[in-house]
């Protein structure tokens, strides 16, 4: 859990935490990030809030979602597999 600032939407604050974890390598490229339910448990947020976090991470190109498998950190351009 984090101490939420009262003047910033919670989804933005959780988004910032996950984005930082991606940036600092806590969640390396191609590894799974917490699901919406996982975010609910870790941060004490509602499901719709977790969905907003995932949606913004996808829109920003930081994660991708594989149906039935979960959401994963998108490969960075410098770590992408070479084209054959």
Protein backbone atom coordinates (compact mmCIF):
# COMPACT_ATOMS: atom_id res chain seq x y z
CA UNK A 1 0.00 0.00 0.00
CA UNK A 2 1.06 3.57 -0.55
CA UNK A 3 -0.03 6.78 1.11
CA UNK A 4 -2.22 8.32 -1.55
CA UNK A 5 -2.06 12.06 -2.14
CA UNK A 6 -5.59 13.44 -1.79
CA UNK A 7 -5.33 15.78 -4.78
CA UNK A 8 -4.17 13.25 -7.44
CA UNK A 9 -6.38 10.47 -8.81
CA UNK A 10 -5.40 7.12 -7.34
CA UNK A 11 -5.06 5.49 -10.74
CA UNK A 12 -2.41 8.08 -11.68
CA UNK A 13 -0.48 7.38 -8.50
CA UNK A 14 -0.55 3.60 -9.00
CA UNK A 15 0.36 4.13 -12.67
CA UNK A 16 3.41 6.15 -11.57
CA UNK A 17 4.53 3.34 -9.25
CA UNK A 18 4.21 0.66 -11.95
CA UNK A 19 5.87 2.90 -14.56
CA UNK A 20 8.78 3.45 -12.17
CA UNK A 21 9.09 -0.30 -11.56
CA UNK A 22 9.28 -0.83 -15.31
CA UNK A 23 11.87 1.94 -15.70
CA UNK A 24 14.11 0.70 -12.87
CA UNK A 25 13.99 -2.93 -14.01
CA UNK A 26 11.88 -4.31 -11.18
CA UNK A 27 9.67 -5.56 -14.01
CA UNK A 28 12.06 -6.36 -16.88
CA UNK A 29 10.91 -6.51 -20.52
CA UNK A 30 8.64 -9.46 -21.36
CA UNK A 31 7.85 -10.22 -17.69
CA UNK A 32 4.36 -10.22 -16.27
CA UNK A 33 3.12 -7.24 -14.32
CA UNK A 34 0.45 -7.52 -11.62
CA UNK A 35 -3.04 -8.18 -12.91
CA UNK A 36 -5.92 -5.84 -12.15
CA UNK A 37 -6.78 -8.09 -9.21
CA UNK A 38 -3.13 -8.02 -8.12
CA UNK A 39 -3.18 -4.23 -8.17
CA UNK A 40 -6.39 -4.25 -6.14
CA UNK A 41 -4.73 -6.36 -3.45
CA UNK A 42 -1.40 -4.55 -3.42
CA UNK A 43 -2.72 -1.00 -3.45
CA UNK A 44 -6.20 -1.37 -1.99
CA UNK A 45 -7.87 0.09 -5.09
CA UNK A 46 -11.07 -0.75 -6.94
CA UNK A 47 -11.07 -2.96 -10.02
CA UNK A 48 -12.03 -0.07 -12.29
CA UNK A 49 -9.03 1.86 -10.97
CA UNK A 50 -6.72 -1.04 -11.79
CA UNK A 51 -8.23 -1.22 -15.27
CA UNK A 52 -7.43 2.46 -15.81
CA UNK A 53 -3.82 1.80 -14.78
CA UNK A 54 -3.50 -1.07 -17.27
CA UNK A 55 -5.21 0.91 -20.03
CA UNK A 56 -2.84 3.87 -19.63
CA UNK A 57 0.23 1.61 -19.51
CA UNK A 58 -0.94 -0.01 -22.78
CA UNK A 59 -1.68 3.35 -24.41
CA UNK A 60 1.80 4.55 -23.46
CA UNK A 61 3.37 1.44 -25.00
CA UNK A 62 4.80 0.23 -21.70
CA UNK A 63 2.90 -3.06 -21.60
CA UNK A 64 1.05 -5.43 -23.90
CA UNK A 65 -1.68 -7.89 -22.99
CA UNK A 66 -1.98 -11.45 -24.20
CA UNK A 67 -5.54 -12.72 -23.68
CA UNK A 68 -5.57 -15.64 -21.28
CA UNK A 69 -1.96 -15.04 -20.21
CA UNK A 70 -1.82 -11.58 -18.66
CA UNK A 71 -0.05 -8.29 -19.21
CA UNK A 72 3.67 -8.04 -19.84
CA UNK A 73 6.30 -5.32 -20.01
CA UNK A 74 6.81 -4.31 -23.62
CA UNK A 75 10.30 -4.85 -24.97
CA UNK A 76 12.31 -1.67 -25.22
CA UNK A 77 13.60 -0.75 -28.68
CA UNK A 78 17.17 -1.51 -27.53
CA UNK A 79 16.13 -4.98 -26.24
CA UNK A 80 13.87 -6.02 -29.13
CA UNK A 81 14.78 -9.16 -30.98
CA UNK A 82 16.62 -8.54 -34.28
CA UNK A 83 14.56 -8.86 -37.44
CA UNK A 84 15.25 -11.95 -39.50
